[in-house]
Structure formats: C-alpha cells, structure tokens
Amino acid sequence: MTIARTDIFKKDFLALPPEVQKATAKQIAQLLIDHFHPSLNLEGIKGHQGLFSARVNQRYRISLSFQGSDTLLLRRVFDHDDLYWRP
C-alpha cells in the first residue's frame, strides 16, 4: 500500500508540536502495516461516506480515505473534535 497526502495534511502536520509529529509518523507507519490495528481505532466519519479517522493520541486524529485497493490518502491531522467538523 502507498501513502498520498493532501497539501492541507502537510500544512496540518507541520503545525503540530514535535512530539505529536512523531506520534503521527508512528501511526502512519502502523497504517501501512495493519490499518485495523487496535491502537489506530480506525472508524468511519459520520455523514462523510468513504472518510475514516485514525487515532494519533487522545487529542489528535488523522482523517483518511482509501483510494482504490493500494493507496491511502491522508487528508487532515487535527484536534479530535475539530476533525469531525472539518474532515
């Protein structure tokens, strides 16, 4: 599986504190290995068919979508509550 990132994901990522960037990178690696790993808590985003969120830590989540069978598109990395308003 390959990873693609939106420009807004890149901007969101660079705005994160360094320790959250490190945790985000770790969870992205886990997504490549096994996107159903329990630490990711992968779930659909209500009202947005085809969009999912994965846990970075208690505060931050990644929004993503699957593009075909071999590409994972990272859309946002954002505060948990804000992500569900602007996935």
PDB file of N, CA and C in Angstrom:
ATOM      1  N   MET A   1       0.845  -1.174   0.000  1.00  0.00           N
ATOM      2  CA  MET A   1       0.000   0.000   0.000  1.00  0.00           C
ATOM      3  C   MET A   1       0.893   1.240   0.000  1.00  0.00           C
ATOM      4  N   THR A   2       0.454   2.258  -0.709  1.00  0.00           N
ATOM      5  CA  THR A   2       1.193   3.518  -0.749  1.00  0.00           C
ATOM      6  C   THR A   2       0.401   4.597  -0.020  1.00  0.00           C
ATOM      7  N   ILE A   3       1.110   5.624   0.378  1.00  0.00           N
ATOM      8  CA  ILE A   3       0.516   6.750   1.105  1.00  0.00           C
ATOM      9  C   ILE A   3       0.574   7.988   0.222  1.00  0.00           C
ATOM     10  N   ALA A   4      -0.549   8.701   0.147  1.00  0.00           N
ATOM     11  CA  ALA A   4      -0.599  10.008  -0.502  1.00  0.00           C
ATOM     12  C   ALA A   4      -1.075  11.004   0.556  1.00  0.00           C
ATOM     13  N   ARG A   5      -0.635  12.237   0.431  1.00  0.00           N
ATOM     14  CA  ARG A   5      -1.001  13.265   1.404  1.00  0.00           C
ATOM     15  C   ARG A   5      -1.556  14.478   0.672  1.00  0.00           C
ATOM     16  N   THR A   6      -2.607  15.077   1.226  1.00  0.00           N
ATOM     17  CA  THR A   6      -3.110  16.328   0.665  1.00  0.00           C
ATOM     18  C   THR A   6      -2.198  17.462   1.119  1.00  0.00           C
ATOM     19  N   ASP A   7      -2.268  18.587   0.425  1.00  0.00           N
ATOM     20  CA  ASP A   7      -1.479  19.747   0.843  1.00  0.00           C
ATOM     21  C   ASP A   7      -1.901  20.216   2.233  1.00  0.00           C
ATOM     22  N   ILE A   8      -3.185  20.143   2.529  1.00  0.00           N
ATOM     23  CA  ILE A   8      -3.659  20.571   3.845  1.00  0.00           C
ATOM     24  C   ILE A   8      -3.143  19.628   4.934  1.00  0.00           C
ATOM     25  N   PHE A   9      -2.997  18.334   4.627  1.00  0.00           N
ATOM     26  CA  PHE A   9      -2.408  17.413   5.605  1.00  0.00           C
ATOM     27  C   PHE A   9      -0.980  17.851   5.914  1.00  0.00           C
ATOM     28  N   LYS A  10      -0.221  18.174   4.882  1.00  0.00           N
ATOM     29  CA  LYS A  10       1.170  18.603   5.091  1.00  0.00           C
ATOM     30  C   LYS A  10       1.216  19.849   5.976  1.00  0.00           C
ATOM     31  N   LYS A  11       0.321  20.797   5.704  1.00  0.00           N
ATOM     32  CA  LYS A  11       0.265  22.036   6.498  1.00  0.00           C
ATOM     33  C   LYS A  11      -0.119  21.718   7.943  1.00  0.00           C
ATOM     34  N   ASP A  12      -1.154  20.883   8.123  1.00  0.00           N
ATOM     35  CA  ASP A  12      -1.571  20.479   9.470  1.00  0.00           C
ATOM     36  C   ASP A  12      -0.412  19.822  10.222  1.00  0.00           C
ATOM     37  N   PHE A  13       0.289  18.909   9.542  1.00  0.00           N
ATOM     38  CA  PHE A  13       1.377  18.152  10.164  1.00  0.00           C
ATOM     39  C   PHE A  13       2.481  19.088  10.649  1.00  0.00           C
ATOM     40  N   LEU A  14       2.861  20.042   9.814  1.00  0.00           N
ATOM     41  CA  LEU A  14       3.942  20.958  10.188  1.00  0.00           C
ATOM     42  C   LEU A  14       3.559  21.879  11.340  1.00  0.00           C
ATOM     43  N   ALA A  15       2.266  22.088  11.552  1.00  0.00           N
ATOM     44  CA  ALA A  15       1.795  22.952  12.637  1.00  0.00           C
ATOM     45  C   ALA A  15       1.721  22.213  13.979  1.00  0.00           C
ATOM     46  N   LEU A  16       1.879  20.903  13.959  1.00  0.00           N
ATOM     47  CA  LEU A  16       1.793  20.111  15.184  1.00  0.00           C
ATOM     48  C   LEU A  16       3.049  20.269  16.035  1.00  0.00           C
ATOM     49  N   PRO A  17       2.915  20.115  17.352  1.00  0.00           N
ATOM     50  CA  PRO A  17       4.114  20.075  18.204  1.00  0.00           C
ATOM     51  C   PRO A  17       4.989  18.876  17.806  1.00  0.00           C
ATOM     52  N   PRO A  18       6.300  18.965  18.004  1.00  0.00           N
ATOM     53  CA  PRO A  18       7.206  17.887  17.592  1.00  0.00           C
ATOM     54  C   PRO A  18       6.831  16.507  18.120  1.00  0.00           C
ATOM     55  N   GLU A  19       6.390  16.415  19.378  1.00  0.00           N
ATOM     56  CA  GLU A  19       6.038  15.102  19.919  1.00  0.00           C
ATOM     57  C   GLU A  19       4.794  14.519  19.246  1.00  0.00           C
ATOM     58  N   VAL A  20       3.890  15.383  18.795  1.00  0.00           N
ATOM     59  CA  VAL A  20       2.691  14.909  18.085  1.00  0.00           C
ATOM     60  C   VAL A  20       3.066  14.524  16.659  1.00  0.00           C
ATOM     61  N   GLN A  21       4.016  15.244  16.054  1.00  0.00           N
ATOM     62  CA  GLN A  21       4.507  14.852  14.727  1.00  0.00           C
ATOM     63  C   GLN A  21       5.099  13.445  14.782  1.00  0.00           C
ATOM     64  N   LYS A  22       5.880  13.186  15.822  1.00  0.00           N
ATOM     65  CA  LYS A  22       6.498  11.867  15.975  1.00  0.00           C
ATOM     66  C   LYS A  22       5.428  10.791  16.151  1.00  0.00           C
ATOM     67  N   ALA A  23       4.424  11.050  16.983  1.00  0.00           N
ATOM     68  CA  ALA A  23       3.332  10.092  17.192  1.00  0.00           C
ATOM     69  C   ALA A  23       2.540   9.885  15.904  1.00  0.00           C
ATOM     70  N   THR A  24       2.350  10.949  15.133  1.00  0.00           N
ATOM     71  CA  THR A  24       1.627  10.851  13.861  1.00  0.00           C
ATOM     72  C   THR A  24       2.403   9.973  12.887  1.00  0.00           C
ATOM     73  N   ALA A  25       3.707  10.183  12.786  1.00  0.00           N
ATOM     74  CA  ALA A  25       4.541   9.367  11.892  1.00  0.00           C
ATOM     75  C   ALA A  25       4.474   7.889  12.296  1.00  0.00           C
ATOM     76  N   LYS A  26       4.479   7.636  13.596  1.00  0.00           N
ATOM     77  CA  LYS A  26       4.389   6.257  14.085  1.00  0.00           C
ATOM     78  C   LYS A  26       3.059   5.624  13.671  1.00  0.00           C
ATOM     79  N   GLN A  27       1.977   6.366  13.800  1.00  0.00           N
ATOM     80  CA  GLN A  27       0.665   5.823  13.450  1.00  0.00           C
ATOM     81  C   GLN A  27       0.513   5.654  11.927  1.00  0.00           C
ATOM     82  N   ILE A  28       1.137   6.517  11.152  1.00  0.00           N
ATOM     83  CA  ILE A  28       1.115   6.346   9.692  1.00  0.00           C
ATOM     84  C   ILE A  28       1.831   5.052   9.321  1.00  0.00           C
ATOM     85  N   ALA A  29       2.961   4.794   9.969  1.00  0.00           N
ATOM     86  CA  ALA A  29       3.672   3.531   9.727  1.00  0.00           C
ATOM     87  C   ALA A  29       2.789   2.343  10.098  1.00  0.00           C
ATOM     88  N   GLN A  30       2.055   2.461  11.204  1.00  0.00           N
ATOM     89  CA  GLN A  30       1.151   1.385  11.611  1.00  0.00           C
ATOM     90  C   GLN A  30       0.033   1.198  10.597  1.00  0.00           C
ATOM     91  N   LEU A  31      -0.451   2.291  10.008  1.00  0.00           N
ATOM     92  CA  LEU A  31      -1.478   2.193   8.966  1.00  0.00           C
ATOM     93  C   LEU A  31      -0.979   1.361   7.786  1.00  0.00           C
ATOM     94  N   LEU A  32       0.280   1.517   7.444  1.00  0.00           N
ATOM     95  CA  LEU A  32       0.853   0.739   6.338  1.00  0.00           C
ATOM     96  C   LEU A  32       0.965  -0.738   6.673  1.00  0.00           C
ATOM     97  N   ILE A  33       1.271  -1.026   7.928  1.00  0.00           N
ATOM     98  CA  ILE A  33       1.434  -2.415   8.357  1.00  0.00           C
ATOM     99  C   ILE A  33       0.084  -3.104   8.509  1.00  0.00           C
ATOM    100  N   ASP A  34      -0.817  -2.458   9.258  1.00  0.00           N
ATOM    101  CA  ASP A  34      -2.117  -3.062   9.563  1.00  0.00           C
ATOM    102  C   ASP A  34      -3.092  -1.961   9.941  1.00  0.00           C
ATOM    103  N   HIS A  35      -3.921  -1.527   8.984  1.00  0.00           N
ATOM    104  CA  HIS A  35      -4.812  -0.402   9.284  1.00  0.00           C
ATOM    105  C   HIS A  35      -5.964  -0.766  10.216  1.00  0.00           C
ATOM    106  N   PHE A  36      -6.047  -2.030  10.622  1.00  0.00           N
ATOM    107  CA  PHE A  36      -7.043  -2.419  11.621  1.00  0.00           C
ATOM    108  C   PHE A  36      -6.424  -2.645  12.998  1.00  0.00           C
ATOM    109  N   HIS A  37      -5.177  -2.243  13.189  1.00  0.00           N
ATOM    110  CA  HIS A  37      -4.521  -2.401  14.491  1.00  0.00           C
ATOM    111  C   HIS A  37      -5.329  -1.634  15.544  1.00  0.00           C
ATOM    112  N   PRO A  38      -5.538  -2.231  16.718  1.00  0.00           N
ATOM    113  CA  PRO A  38      -6.369  -1.583  17.747  1.00  0.00           C
ATOM    114  C   PRO A  38      -5.902  -0.188  18.176  1.00  0.00           C
ATOM    115  N   SER A  39      -4.603   0.077  18.123  1.00  0.00           N
ATOM    116  CA  SER A  39      -4.118   1.393  18.552  1.00  0.00           C
ATOM    117  C   SER A  39      -4.595   2.511  17.639  1.00  0.00           C
ATOM    118  N   LEU A  40      -4.969   2.183  16.415  1.00  0.00           N
ATOM    119  CA  LEU A  40      -5.434   3.194  15.465  1.00  0.00           C
ATOM    120  C   LEU A  40      -6.894   3.576  15.683  1.00  0.00           C
ATOM    121  N   ASN A  41      -7.663   2.662  16.241  1.00  0.00           N
ATOM    122  CA  ASN A  41      -9.091   2.899  16.447  1.00  0.00           C
ATOM    123  C   ASN A  41      -9.724   3.479  15.173  1.00  0.00           C
ATOM    124  N   LEU A  42      -9.474   2.835  14.040  1.00  0.00           N
ATOM    125  CA  LEU A  42      -9.989   3.286  12.751  1.00  0.00           C
ATOM    126  C   LEU A  42     -11.509   3.224  12.757  1.00  0.00           C
ATOM    127  N   GLU A  43     -12.158   4.342  12.374  1.00  0.00           N
ATOM    128  CA  GLU A  43     -13.615   4.392  12.348  1.00  0.00           C
ATOM    129  C   GLU A  43     -14.080   5.319  11.241  1.00  0.00           C
ATOM    130  N   GLY A  44     -15.274   5.047  10.724  1.00  0.00           N
ATOM    131  CA  GLY A  44     -15.862   5.914   9.715  1.00  0.00           C
ATOM    132  C   GLY A  44     -16.283   7.239  10.331  1.00  0.00           C
ATOM    133  N   ILE A  45     -16.279   8.280   9.513  1.00  0.00           N
ATOM    134  CA  ILE A  45     -16.712   9.603   9.969  1.00  0.00           C
ATOM    135  C   ILE A  45     -18.164   9.773   9.538  1.00  0.00           C
ATOM    136  N   LYS A  46     -19.052   9.913  10.506  1.00  0.00           N
ATOM    137  CA  LYS A  46     -20.488  10.038  10.227  1.00  0.00           C
ATOM    138  C   LYS A  46     -20.765  11.187   9.272  1.00  0.00           C
ATOM    139  N   GLY A  47     -21.635  10.918   8.307  1.00  0.00           N
ATOM    140  CA  GLY A  47     -22.035  11.948   7.365  1.00  0.00           C
ATOM    141  C   GLY A  47     -21.054  12.181   6.229  1.00  0.00           C
ATOM    142  N   HIS A  48     -19.962  11.422   6.201  1.00  0.00           N
ATOM    143  CA  HIS A  48     -18.935  11.583   5.165  1.00  0.00           C
ATOM    144  C   HIS A  48     -18.546  10.199   4.662  1.00  0.00           C
ATOM    145  N   GLN A  49     -19.334   9.676   3.765  1.00  0.00           N
ATOM    146  CA  GLN A  49     -19.103   8.318   3.267  1.00  0.00           C
ATOM    147  C   GLN A  49     -17.713   8.200   2.649  1.00  0.00           C
ATOM    148  N   GLY A  50     -17.013   7.142   3.010  1.00  0.00           N
ATOM    149  CA  GLY A  50     -15.685   6.881   2.472  1.00  0.00           C
ATOM    150  C   GLY A  50     -14.561   7.554   3.226  1.00  0.00           C
ATOM    151  N   LEU A  51     -14.895   8.366   4.249  1.00  0.00           N
ATOM    152  CA  LEU A  51     -13.866   9.007   5.069  1.00  0.00           C
ATOM    153  C   LEU A  51     -13.767   8.292   6.405  1.00  0.00           C
ATOM    154  N   PHE A  52     -12.530   8.162   6.872  1.00  0.00           N
ATOM    155  CA  PHE A  52     -12.258   7.460   8.113  1.00  0.00           C
ATOM    156  C   PHE A  52     -11.338   8.314   8.969  1.00  0.00           C
ATOM    157  N   SER A  53     -11.306   7.994  10.262  1.00  0.00           N
ATOM    158  CA  SER A  53     -10.345   8.651  11.140  1.00  0.00           C
ATOM    159  C   SER A  53      -9.560   7.584  11.885  1.00  0.00           C
ATOM    160  N   ALA A  54      -8.314   7.920  12.190  1.00  0.00           N
ATOM    161  CA  ALA A  54      -7.426   7.035  12.935  1.00  0.00           C
ATOM    162  C   ALA A  54      -6.817   7.844  14.073  1.00  0.00           C
ATOM    163  N   ARG A  55      -6.664   7.212  15.210  1.00  0.00           N
ATOM    164  CA  ARG A  55      -6.145   7.880  16.397  1.00  0.00           C
ATOM    165  C   ARG A  55      -4.633   8.085  16.304  1.00  0.00           C
ATOM    166  N   VAL A  56      -4.204   9.293  16.672  1.00  0.00           N
ATOM    167  CA  VAL A  56      -2.782   9.582  16.881  1.00  0.00           C
ATOM    168  C   VAL A  56      -2.509   9.458  18.375  1.00  0.00           C
ATOM    169  N   ASN A  57      -3.296  10.167  19.172  1.00  0.00           N
ATOM    170  CA  ASN A  57      -3.253  10.094  20.629  1.00  0.00           C
ATOM    171  C   ASN A  57      -4.635  10.497  21.131  1.00  0.00           C
ATOM    172  N   GLN A  58      -4.771  10.784  22.407  1.00  0.00           N
ATOM    173  CA  GLN A  58      -6.096  11.123  22.921  1.00  0.00           C
ATOM    174  C   GLN A  58      -6.647  12.398  22.311  1.00  0.00           C
ATOM    175  N   ARG A  59      -5.799  13.311  21.903  1.00  0.00           N
ATOM    176  CA  ARG A  59      -6.256  14.610  21.409  1.00  0.00           C
ATOM    177  C   ARG A  59      -6.336  14.688  19.884  1.00  0.00           C
ATOM    178  N   TYR A  60      -5.444  14.020  19.165  1.00  0.00           N
ATOM    179  CA  TYR A  60      -5.345  14.200  17.716  1.00  0.00           C
ATOM    180  C   TYR A  60      -5.774  12.958  16.946  1.00  0.00           C
ATOM    181  N   ARG A  61      -6.345  13.208  15.755  1.00  0.00           N
ATOM    182  CA  ARG A  61      -6.744  12.127  14.859  1.00  0.00           C
ATOM    183  C   ARG A  61      -6.353  12.503  13.437  1.00  0.00           C
ATOM    184  N   ILE A  62      -6.209  11.475  12.608  1.00  0.00           N
ATOM    185  CA  ILE A  62      -5.915  11.625  11.179  1.00  0.00           C
ATOM    186  C   ILE A  62      -7.191  11.289  10.423  1.00  0.00           C
ATOM    187  N   SER A  63      -7.580  12.126   9.458  1.00  0.00           N
ATOM    188  CA  SER A  63      -8.676  11.727   8.568  1.00  0.00           C
ATOM    189  C   SER A  63      -8.041  11.186   7.285  1.00  0.00           C
ATOM    190  N   LEU A  64      -8.666  10.167   6.735  1.00  0.00           N
ATOM    191  CA  LEU A  64      -8.098   9.495   5.577  1.00  0.00           C
ATOM    192  C   LEU A  64      -9.193   8.855   4.739  1.00  0.00           C
ATOM    193  N   SER A  65      -8.821   8.489   3.527  1.00  0.00           N
ATOM    194  CA  SER A  65      -9.711   7.721   2.657  1.00  0.00           C
ATOM    195  C   SER A  65      -8.860   6.725   1.881  1.00  0.00           C
ATOM    196  N   PHE A  66      -9.497   5.666   1.462  1.00  0.00           N
ATOM    197  CA  PHE A  66      -8.828   4.647   0.663  1.00  0.00           C
ATOM    198  C   PHE A  66      -9.089   4.949  -0.808  1.00  0.00           C
ATOM    199  N   GLN A  67      -8.025   5.052  -1.572  1.00  0.00           N
ATOM    200  CA  GLN A  67      -8.117   5.332  -2.995  1.00  0.00           C
ATOM    201  C   GLN A  67      -7.788   4.051  -3.747  1.00  0.00           C
ATOM    202  N   GLY A  68      -8.827   3.335  -4.162  1.00  0.00           N
ATOM    203  CA  GLY A  68      -8.600   2.038  -4.786  1.00  0.00           C
ATOM    204  C   GLY A  68      -8.126   1.049  -3.733  1.00  0.00           C
ATOM    205  N   SER A  69      -7.447   0.010  -4.183  1.00  0.00           N
ATOM    206  CA  SER A  69      -7.010  -1.024  -3.250  1.00  0.00           C
ATOM    207  C   SER A  69      -5.578  -0.835  -2.776  1.00  0.00           C
ATOM    208  N   ASP A  70      -4.866   0.166  -3.316  1.00  0.00           N
ATOM    209  CA  ASP A  70      -3.446   0.252  -2.982  1.00  0.00           C
ATOM    210  C   ASP A  70      -2.962   1.619  -2.497  1.00  0.00           C
ATOM    211  N   THR A  71      -3.858   2.599  -2.328  1.00  0.00           N
ATOM    212  CA  THR A  71      -3.428   3.926  -1.905  1.00  0.00           C
ATOM    213  C   THR A  71      -4.285   4.421  -0.748  1.00  0.00           C
ATOM    214  N   LEU A  72      -3.610   4.967   0.229  1.00  0.00           N
ATOM    215  CA  LEU A  72      -4.247   5.559   1.391  1.00  0.00           C
ATOM    216  C   LEU A  72      -4.003   7.058   1.315  1.00  0.00           C
ATOM    217  N   LEU A  73      -5.073   7.854   1.243  1.00  0.00           N
ATOM    218  CA  LEU A  73      -4.950   9.305   1.153  1.00  0.00           C
ATOM    219  C   LEU A  73      -5.139   9.914   2.532  1.00  0.00           C
ATOM    220  N   LEU A  74      -4.089  10.551   3.045  1.00  0.00           N
ATOM    221  CA  LEU A  74      -4.146  11.249   4.333  1.00  0.00           C
ATOM    222  C   LEU A  74      -4.665  12.648   4.059  1.00  0.00           C
ATOM    223  N   ARG A  75      -5.799  12.984   4.660  1.00  0.00           N
ATOM    224  CA  ARG A  75      -6.476  14.238   4.358  1.00  0.00           C
ATOM    225  C   ARG A  75      -6.180  15.342   5.360  1.00  0.00           C
ATOM    226  N   ARG A  76      -6.289  15.055   6.654  1.00  0.00           N
ATOM    227  CA  ARG A  76      -6.060  16.036   7.722  1.00  0.00           C
ATOM    228  C   ARG A  76      -5.428  15.336   8.912  1.00  0.00           C
ATOM    229  N   VAL A  77      -4.736  16.077   9.737  1.00  0.00           N
ATOM    230  CA  VAL A  77      -4.348  15.621  11.078  1.00  0.00           C
ATOM    231  C   VAL A  77      -4.672  16.809  11.967  1.00  0.00           C
ATOM    232  N   PHE A  78      -5.582  16.555  12.909  1.00  0.00           N
ATOM    233  CA  PHE A  78      -6.252  17.671  13.554  1.00  0.00           C
ATOM    234  C   PHE A  78      -6.673  17.286  14.955  1.00  0.00           C
ATOM    235  N   ASP A  79      -7.031  18.263  15.742  1.00  0.00           N
ATOM    236  CA  ASP A  79      -7.624  18.025  17.045  1.00  0.00           C
ATOM    237  C   ASP A  79      -8.875  17.157  16.871  1.00  0.00           C
ATOM    238  N   HIS A  80      -9.058  16.214  17.765  1.00  0.00           N
ATOM    239  CA  HIS A  80     -10.143  15.227  17.691  1.00  0.00           C
ATOM    240  C   HIS A  80     -11.496  15.862  17.377  1.00  0.00           C
ATOM    241  N   ASP A  81     -11.927  16.834  18.175  1.00  0.00           N
ATOM    242  CA  ASP A  81     -13.251  17.409  17.998  1.00  0.00           C
ATOM    243  C   ASP A  81     -13.356  18.212  16.698  1.00  0.00           C
ATOM    244  N   ASP A  82     -12.325  18.971  16.351  1.00  0.00           N
ATOM    245  CA  ASP A  82     -12.348  19.777  15.134  1.00  0.00           C
ATOM    246  C   ASP A  82     -12.346  18.921  13.883  1.00  0.00           C
ATOM    247  N   LEU A  83     -11.679  17.778  13.945  1.00  0.00           N
ATOM    248  CA  LEU A  83     -11.584  16.916  12.765  1.00  0.00           C
ATOM    249  C   LEU A  83     -12.964  16.460  12.297  1.00  0.00           C
ATOM    250  N   TYR A  84     -13.850  16.202  13.222  1.00  0.00           N
ATOM    251  CA  TYR A  84     -15.171  15.713  12.839  1.00  0.00           C
ATOM    252  C   TYR A  84     -16.036  16.821  12.238  1.00  0.00           C
ATOM    253  N   TRP A  85     -15.691  18.088  12.457  1.00  0.00           N
ATOM    254  CA  TRP A  85     -16.406  19.191  11.824  1.00  0.00           C
ATOM    255  C   TRP A  85     -15.820  19.530  10.453  1.00  0.00           C
ATOM    256  N   ARG A  86     -14.507  19.281  10.283  1.00  0.00           N
ATOM    257  CA  ARG A  86     -13.822  19.618   9.010  1.00  0.00           C
ATOM    258  C   ARG A  86     -12.908  18.476   8.594  1.00  0.00           C
ATOM    259  N   PRO A  87     -13.497  17.324   8.202  1.00  0.00           N
ATOM    260  CA  PRO A  87     -12.658  16.162   7.894  1.00  0.00           C
ATOM    261  C   PRO A  87     -11.885  16.334   6.606  1.00  0.00           C
TER     262      PRO A  87
END
